[in-house]
Amino acid sequence: MRVMKVTLALVLLVAAGKLVEAAGPIPSDCDRACLEDLATGYLQALVAHDPKKMPFAADVKYTEQDQVMSIGDGFWGTATEVGHYRHCFSDTTEEQIGCIVTMHEGDHLLIMGVRLRVELGRITEVETTYYRQGGGGPNNISGLDSSKPDPIWFETIPTAERASRQQLISTANKYFRGLENNDGKGDYPFADDCDRIENGTRTTNNPTLSPNAPFNAFALSCMAQFKSGYYAVVTRIHSRRFPIVDEERGAVWANVIFDQNGTVHTIKLTNGQTVSMGIFNRPSSLEVTEVFKITNGKIRRIEMTGSGLQYHLNSAWGGISDK
């Protein structure tokens, strides 16, 4: 009778979206709604500074910017409020969920990428990345906070047209293959309507971003950018992982490290134009969370958050480093 009461209570909590109050376990058949409730509970526990509200495994692995630390440390002590933007990606096969969200840290707004993994009814992995103001590159944190994800992300792929998990990962990895030492000659799997958001800023088809530059890559389409050879400044992309795949919606969540070794001072584009890359005159890296919407083998949307960190950062999570 006691077991039945505990199970019923957990079911009612999950159904009410109040998993934050449950000590666990998480249902073994945790579907999309269940995973999204779990993410909601995590964010609530985070701003409450109370890890005990969530069903963590005793040996849960927790990282911030690829640094291993204890649950309750770091952002758990400084998060003050959940922001208005939330975009989540569920993988019911692997029981994982990843969300790109805006968060408040004191008086400051930031972007957080968070991934949760469930095993045997407990959260066993928590991986978090952050973009704080001054983290490098184009950004619009406040603009992201007041926006909503493009509805195309939530469109269901017809069953007969769905790609397999491995096919979706292969398409996403082509993006990184084409970006690493970009020469304009790769196999770039972009749809004609492809668009990319980076840290809240649209960085494709956006002529208003850096309009006075001699060569404005941000005004170009996804395909034209890669075909120009402009991204040759990215000399290595390592620690690539694709932990979350949503075959129903054609989405792939990736975690990677971009290296820029500081030696690429100029780039000769495929149109013959030479551009200066003087701002990349020292070794640096970007820790990147990037998500792809893929339809019929083509990338249609990209959402990225990432921050500059020490050169050749080694991921605490491993991952592949070759092409």
Protein backbone atom coordinates (compact mmCIF):
# COMPACT_ATOMS: atom_id res chain seq x y z
CA MET A 1 0.00 0.00 0.00
CA ARG A 2 2.84 2.40 0.88
CA VAL A 3 4.55 1.76 -2.48
CA MET A 4 1.29 2.47 -4.31
CA LYS A 5 0.89 5.77 -2.44
CA VAL A 6 4.44 6.91 -3.26
CA THR A 7 4.00 6.01 -6.94
CA LEU A 8 0.64 7.79 -7.13
CA ALA A 9 2.09 10.89 -5.46
CA LEU A 10 4.96 11.00 -7.96
CA VAL A 11 2.58 10.63 -10.90
CA LEU A 12 0.44 13.49 -9.59
CA LEU A 13 3.51 15.69 -9.12
CA VAL A 14 4.75 15.01 -12.64
CA ALA A 15 1.31 15.61 -14.12
CA ALA A 16 1.08 18.92 -12.27
CA GLY A 17 4.53 20.00 -13.46
CA LYS A 18 5.83 20.01 -9.88
CA LEU A 19 8.63 17.48 -10.08
CA VAL A 20 10.72 20.12 -8.29
CA GLU A 21 9.13 19.03 -5.03
CA ALA A 22 9.79 15.31 -5.52
CA ALA A 23 12.90 13.60 -4.20
CA GLY A 24 12.59 11.04 -7.00
CA PRO A 25 12.64 8.68 -8.67
CA ILE A 26 11.92 9.97 -12.18
CA PRO A 27 9.51 7.71 -14.14
CA SER A 28 11.20 5.08 -16.29
CA ASP A 29 9.06 6.10 -19.28
CA CYS A 30 9.85 9.83 -19.00
CA ASP A 31 8.42 11.35 -22.20
CA ARG A 32 8.84 14.83 -23.68
CA ALA A 33 6.45 16.45 -21.21
CA CYS A 34 8.13 14.67 -18.30
CA LEU A 35 11.60 15.82 -19.42
CA GLU A 36 10.40 19.39 -19.87
CA ASP A 37 8.89 19.31 -16.36
CA LEU A 38 12.25 18.05 -15.11
CA ALA A 39 14.00 21.02 -16.74
CA THR A 40 11.47 23.39 -15.16
CA GLY A 41 12.11 21.83 -11.77
CA TYR A 42 15.86 22.16 -12.25
CA LEU A 43 15.62 25.89 -13.00
CA GLN A 44 13.37 26.41 -9.99
CA ALA A 45 15.78 24.55 -7.72
CA LEU A 46 18.67 26.55 -9.15
CA VAL A 47 17.23 29.96 -8.23
CA ALA A 48 16.12 28.55 -4.86
CA HIS A 49 19.78 27.52 -4.28
CA ASP A 50 18.51 24.13 -3.16
CA PRO A 51 19.83 21.01 -4.96
CA LYS A 52 17.85 18.81 -2.56
CA LYS A 53 14.72 19.70 -4.49
CA MET A 54 15.91 17.56 -7.41
CA PRO A 55 16.43 13.77 -7.69
CA PHE A 56 20.19 13.77 -8.30
CA ALA A 57 22.16 10.56 -8.27
CA ALA A 58 24.68 10.32 -5.45
CA ASP A 59 27.52 10.39 -8.01
CA VAL A 60 26.01 13.01 -10.36
CA LYS A 61 28.59 14.66 -12.62
CA TYR A 62 28.19 18.44 -12.76
CA THR A 63 30.16 20.94 -14.86
CA GLU A 64 30.16 24.67 -15.50
CA GLN A 65 32.14 25.77 -18.57
CA ASP A 66 33.65 22.25 -18.62
CA GLN A 67 34.94 22.55 -15.06
CA VAL A 68 33.87 19.68 -12.79
CA MET A 69 32.42 20.85 -9.48
CA SER A 70 29.90 19.85 -6.86
CA ILE A 71 26.18 20.36 -7.27
CA GLY A 72 25.37 23.46 -5.24
CA ASP A 73 28.61 25.26 -6.11
CA GLY A 74 29.13 27.97 -8.73
CA PHE A 75 25.99 29.28 -10.41
CA TRP A 76 23.87 27.53 -7.79
CA GLY A 77 24.93 30.28 -5.41
CA THR A 78 24.55 33.27 -7.76
CA ALA A 79 21.45 32.54 -9.90
CA THR A 80 18.63 34.87 -8.87
CA GLU A 81 15.81 34.49 -11.39
CA VAL A 82 14.75 32.48 -14.43
CA GLY A 83 14.55 34.65 -17.55
CA HIS A 84 11.79 34.77 -20.15
CA TYR A 85 13.47 32.80 -22.97
CA ARG A 86 13.49 29.03 -22.92
CA HIS A 87 14.11 26.63 -25.80
CA CYS A 88 14.29 22.93 -24.90
CA PHE A 89 15.21 19.82 -26.88
CA SER A 90 14.20 16.37 -25.67
CA ASP A 91 15.68 12.97 -26.40
CA THR A 92 13.32 10.35 -24.97
CA THR A 93 15.47 7.47 -26.24
CA GLU A 94 18.54 8.54 -24.28
CA GLU A 95 16.47 10.25 -21.54
CA GLN A 96 18.18 13.59 -21.92
CA ILE A 97 17.00 17.17 -22.27
CA GLY A 98 18.91 20.30 -23.21
CA CYS A 99 17.65 23.87 -22.87
CA ILE A 100 18.96 27.26 -23.93
CA VAL A 101 17.55 29.75 -21.44
CA THR A 102 18.08 33.28 -20.20
CA MET A 103 18.87 33.65 -16.51
CA HIS A 104 19.48 36.46 -14.05
CA GLU A 105 22.62 36.57 -11.96
CA GLY A 106 22.20 39.50 -9.59
CA ASP A 107 21.58 42.54 -11.77
CA HIS A 108 22.93 40.85 -14.90
CA LEU A 109 21.21 38.81 -17.60
CA LEU A 110 23.00 35.84 -19.16
CA ILE A 111 22.37 32.90 -21.48
CA MET A 112 22.72 29.37 -20.15
CA GLY A 113 22.86 26.09 -21.99
CA VAL A 114 21.97 23.20 -19.70
CA ARG A 115 21.85 19.47 -20.39
CA LEU A 116 20.35 16.90 -18.01
CA ARG A 117 20.70 13.14 -18.31
CA VAL A 118 18.48 10.63 -16.51
CA GLU A 119 19.49 7.08 -15.65
CA LEU A 120 17.58 4.66 -13.42
CA GLY A 121 15.24 7.36 -12.23
CA ARG A 122 17.93 9.85 -11.19
CA ILE A 123 19.75 12.78 -12.79
CA THR A 124 23.28 11.52 -13.40
CA GLU A 125 24.73 14.31 -15.57
CA VAL A 126 24.35 18.09 -15.57
CA GLU A 127 26.37 20.06 -18.12
CA THR A 128 26.09 23.85 -18.17
CA THR A 129 27.58 26.55 -20.38
CA TYR A 130 27.14 30.30 -20.01
CA TYR A 131 27.36 33.41 -22.11
CA ARG A 132 27.84 36.44 -19.89
CA GLN A 133 28.15 39.97 -21.23
CA GLY A 134 31.68 40.46 -22.51
CA GLY A 135 32.07 36.80 -23.47
CA GLY A 136 33.11 37.73 -27.02
CA GLY A 137 31.40 37.80 -30.40
CA PRO A 138 28.05 39.22 -31.53
CA ASN A 139 25.33 39.00 -28.90
CA ASN A 140 21.96 40.37 -27.86
CA ILE A 141 21.09 38.82 -24.52
CA SER A 142 18.22 41.19 -23.74
CA GLY A 143 16.81 40.71 -27.24
CA LEU A 144 16.84 36.95 -26.78
CA ASP A 145 15.15 37.32 -23.39
CA SER A 146 12.22 39.15 -24.99
CA SER A 147 11.88 36.74 -27.93
CA LYS A 148 10.50 33.26 -28.56
CA PRO A 149 12.01 30.36 -30.51
CA ASP A 150 11.18 30.19 -34.21
CA PRO A 151 8.07 27.95 -34.58
CA ILE A 152 9.88 25.88 -37.21
CA TRP A 153 11.81 24.17 -34.41
CA PHE A 154 8.61 22.58 -33.11
CA GLU A 155 7.39 21.23 -36.45
CA THR A 156 7.08 17.45 -36.49
CA ILE A 157 8.81 15.57 -39.30
CA PRO A 158 6.40 13.11 -40.99
CA THR A 159 7.24 9.57 -39.93
CA ALA A 160 8.14 8.43 -43.44
CA GLU A 161 10.55 11.35 -43.86
CA ARG A 162 12.40 11.08 -40.55
CA ALA A 163 16.13 10.56 -40.62
CA SER A 164 17.76 8.11 -38.25
CA ARG A 165 19.74 9.23 -35.24
CA GLN A 166 23.04 8.57 -37.01
CA GLN A 167 21.93 10.38 -40.17
CA LEU A 168 21.00 13.47 -38.16
CA ILE A 169 24.33 13.40 -36.31
CA SER A 170 26.21 12.98 -39.59
CA THR A 171 24.50 16.05 -41.05
CA ALA A 172 25.26 18.11 -37.95
CA ASN A 173 28.90 17.00 -37.99
CA LYS A 174 29.22 18.17 -41.61
CA TYR A 175 28.67 21.67 -40.26
CA PHE A 176 31.75 21.38 -38.06
CA ARG A 177 33.77 19.69 -40.79
CA GLY A 178 32.99 22.58 -43.10
CA LEU A 179 33.73 25.21 -40.46
CA GLU A 180 37.09 23.81 -39.34
CA ASN A 181 39.83 25.35 -41.54
CA ASN A 182 37.02 26.59 -43.79
CA ASP A 183 38.17 26.83 -47.42
CA GLY A 184 34.88 27.20 -49.30
CA LYS A 185 35.19 23.77 -50.93
CA GLY A 186 33.44 21.47 -48.48
CA ASP A 187 30.16 19.60 -48.42
CA TYR A 188 27.86 22.13 -46.76
CA PRO A 189 24.39 20.72 -45.98
CA PHE A 190 22.41 23.98 -45.84
CA ALA A 191 18.82 24.51 -46.94
CA ASP A 192 18.05 27.69 -48.86
CA ASP A 193 16.17 29.13 -45.87
CA CYS A 194 18.92 28.36 -43.33
CA ASP A 195 19.36 30.95 -40.58
CA ARG A 196 21.55 31.10 -37.48
CA ILE A 197 21.20 32.79 -34.08
CA GLU A 198 24.34 33.26 -31.94
CA ASN A 199 23.97 34.43 -28.35
CA GLY A 200 20.70 36.07 -29.28
CA THR A 201 21.92 37.77 -32.48
CA ARG A 202 21.06 36.76 -36.02
CA THR A 203 24.42 36.16 -37.73
CA THR A 204 23.18 35.19 -41.18
CA ASN A 205 21.18 37.24 -43.69
CA ASN A 206 21.70 40.27 -41.45
CA PRO A 207 23.23 43.24 -43.33
CA THR A 208 22.70 45.54 -40.33
CA LEU A 209 25.31 43.63 -38.31
CA SER A 210 28.78 45.12 -39.01
CA PRO A 211 27.46 47.05 -42.05
CA ASN A 212 30.66 49.07 -42.51
CA ALA A 213 33.03 46.13 -42.72
CA PRO A 214 34.87 45.67 -46.06
CA PHE A 215 33.47 42.14 -46.12
CA ASN A 216 30.29 41.58 -44.13
CA ALA A 217 29.93 37.85 -43.66
CA PHE A 218 26.87 38.36 -41.47
CA ALA A 219 24.92 39.69 -44.45
CA LEU A 220 25.35 36.37 -46.27
CA SER A 221 23.34 33.16 -46.18
CA CYS A 222 24.60 30.06 -44.34
CA MET A 223 25.81 28.58 -47.61
CA ALA A 224 27.47 31.76 -48.89
CA GLN A 225 29.32 32.24 -45.62
CA PHE A 226 30.86 28.77 -45.77
CA LYS A 227 31.59 29.01 -49.49
CA SER A 228 33.45 32.31 -48.93
CA GLY A 229 36.14 30.66 -46.79
CA TYR A 230 35.69 33.35 -44.13
CA TYR A 231 35.73 30.93 -41.20
CA ALA A 232 39.29 29.72 -41.83
CA VAL A 233 40.15 31.44 -38.57
CA VAL A 234 38.70 28.39 -36.77
CA THR A 235 41.73 26.11 -36.89
CA ARG A 236 40.37 23.14 -34.96
CA ILE A 237 37.05 21.89 -33.64
CA HIS A 238 37.49 19.20 -31.03
CA SER A 239 35.63 17.41 -28.24
CA ARG A 240 32.58 17.10 -30.50
CA ARG A 241 29.59 15.40 -28.94
CA PHE A 242 25.98 14.99 -30.04
CA PRO A 243 24.26 13.84 -26.84
CA ILE A 244 20.68 14.86 -27.71
CA VAL A 245 18.85 13.85 -30.88
CA ASP A 246 15.13 14.43 -31.44
CA GLU A 247 14.20 12.37 -34.50
CA GLU A 248 10.55 13.44 -34.27
CA ARG A 249 11.46 17.11 -34.76
CA GLY A 250 14.75 16.66 -36.62
CA ALA A 251 16.90 18.39 -34.00
CA VAL A 252 20.48 17.69 -32.89
CA TRP A 253 22.17 19.21 -29.82
CA ALA A 254 25.97 19.44 -30.02
CA ASN A 255 28.70 20.42 -27.57
CA VAL A 256 32.08 21.30 -29.10
CA ILE A 257 35.23 23.38 -28.56
CA PHE A 258 36.40 25.80 -31.28
CA ASP A 259 40.14 26.55 -31.30
CA GLN A 260 41.59 29.65 -32.96
CA ASN A 261 45.36 29.31 -32.76
CA GLY A 262 46.12 32.99 -33.41
CA THR A 263 48.22 32.48 -36.56
CA VAL A 264 45.53 33.27 -39.15
CA HIS A 265 46.04 37.02 -39.55
CA THR A 266 44.53 37.38 -43.02
CA ILE A 267 42.22 35.24 -45.12
CA LYS A 268 42.04 35.18 -48.89
CA LEU A 269 38.40 34.59 -49.67
CA THR A 270 37.20 32.49 -52.57
CA ASN A 271 36.17 35.71 -54.37
CA GLY A 272 39.81 36.83 -54.34
CA GLN A 273 39.32 39.44 -51.60
CA THR A 274 41.72 39.50 -48.65
CA VAL A 275 40.35 40.31 -45.20
CA SER A 276 42.21 41.06 -41.99
CA MET A 277 41.59 38.84 -38.99
CA GLY A 278 43.66 40.94 -36.61
CA ILE A 279 41.23 40.53 -33.72
CA PHE A 280 42.17 36.84 -33.64
CA ASN A 281 45.89 37.49 -33.07
CA ARG A 282 46.23 35.33 -29.98
CA PRO A 283 45.33 31.72 -29.20
CA SER A 284 41.77 31.40 -27.89
CA SER A 285 38.89 28.97 -27.75
CA LEU A 286 35.11 29.02 -27.71
CA GLU A 287 33.07 26.58 -25.68
CA VAL A 288 30.01 26.07 -27.87
CA THR A 289 26.54 24.64 -27.45
CA GLU A 290 24.92 24.47 -30.89
CA VAL A 291 21.60 23.03 -31.99
CA PHE A 292 20.49 22.20 -35.53
CA LYS A 293 17.05 21.83 -37.12
CA ILE A 294 17.45 19.36 -39.99
CA THR A 295 14.88 18.51 -42.66
CA ASN A 296 15.56 16.16 -45.60
CA GLY A 297 19.27 16.12 -44.81
CA LYS A 298 19.56 19.93 -44.85
CA ILE A 299 20.16 22.35 -41.98
CA ARG A 300 17.40 24.94 -41.77
CA ARG A 301 17.98 26.58 -38.40
CA ILE A 302 20.96 26.89 -36.04
CA GLU A 303 20.89 28.19 -32.49
CA MET A 304 24.20 28.67 -30.72
CA THR A 305 25.44 29.94 -27.41
CA GLY A 306 29.12 30.05 -26.59
CA SER A 307 31.76 31.98 -24.73
CA GLY A 308 35.46 32.66 -25.12
CA LEU A 309 37.66 30.64 -22.75
CA GLN A 310 41.29 29.59 -22.40
CA TYR A 311 43.00 28.21 -25.49
CA HIS A 312 42.60 24.52 -26.26
CA LEU A 313 40.16 23.96 -23.43
CA ASN A 314 39.86 20.22 -22.84
CA SER A 315 36.29 19.13 -22.30
CA ALA A 316 35.49 17.28 -19.10
CA TRP A 317 33.11 15.17 -21.18
CA GLY A 318 35.51 13.93 -23.86
CA GLY A 319 34.20 13.62 -27.41
CA ILE A 320 35.64 13.07 -30.88
CA SER A 321 38.30 15.40 -32.23
CA ASP A 322 38.80 14.17 -35.78
CA LYS A 323 36.72 14.66 -38.90
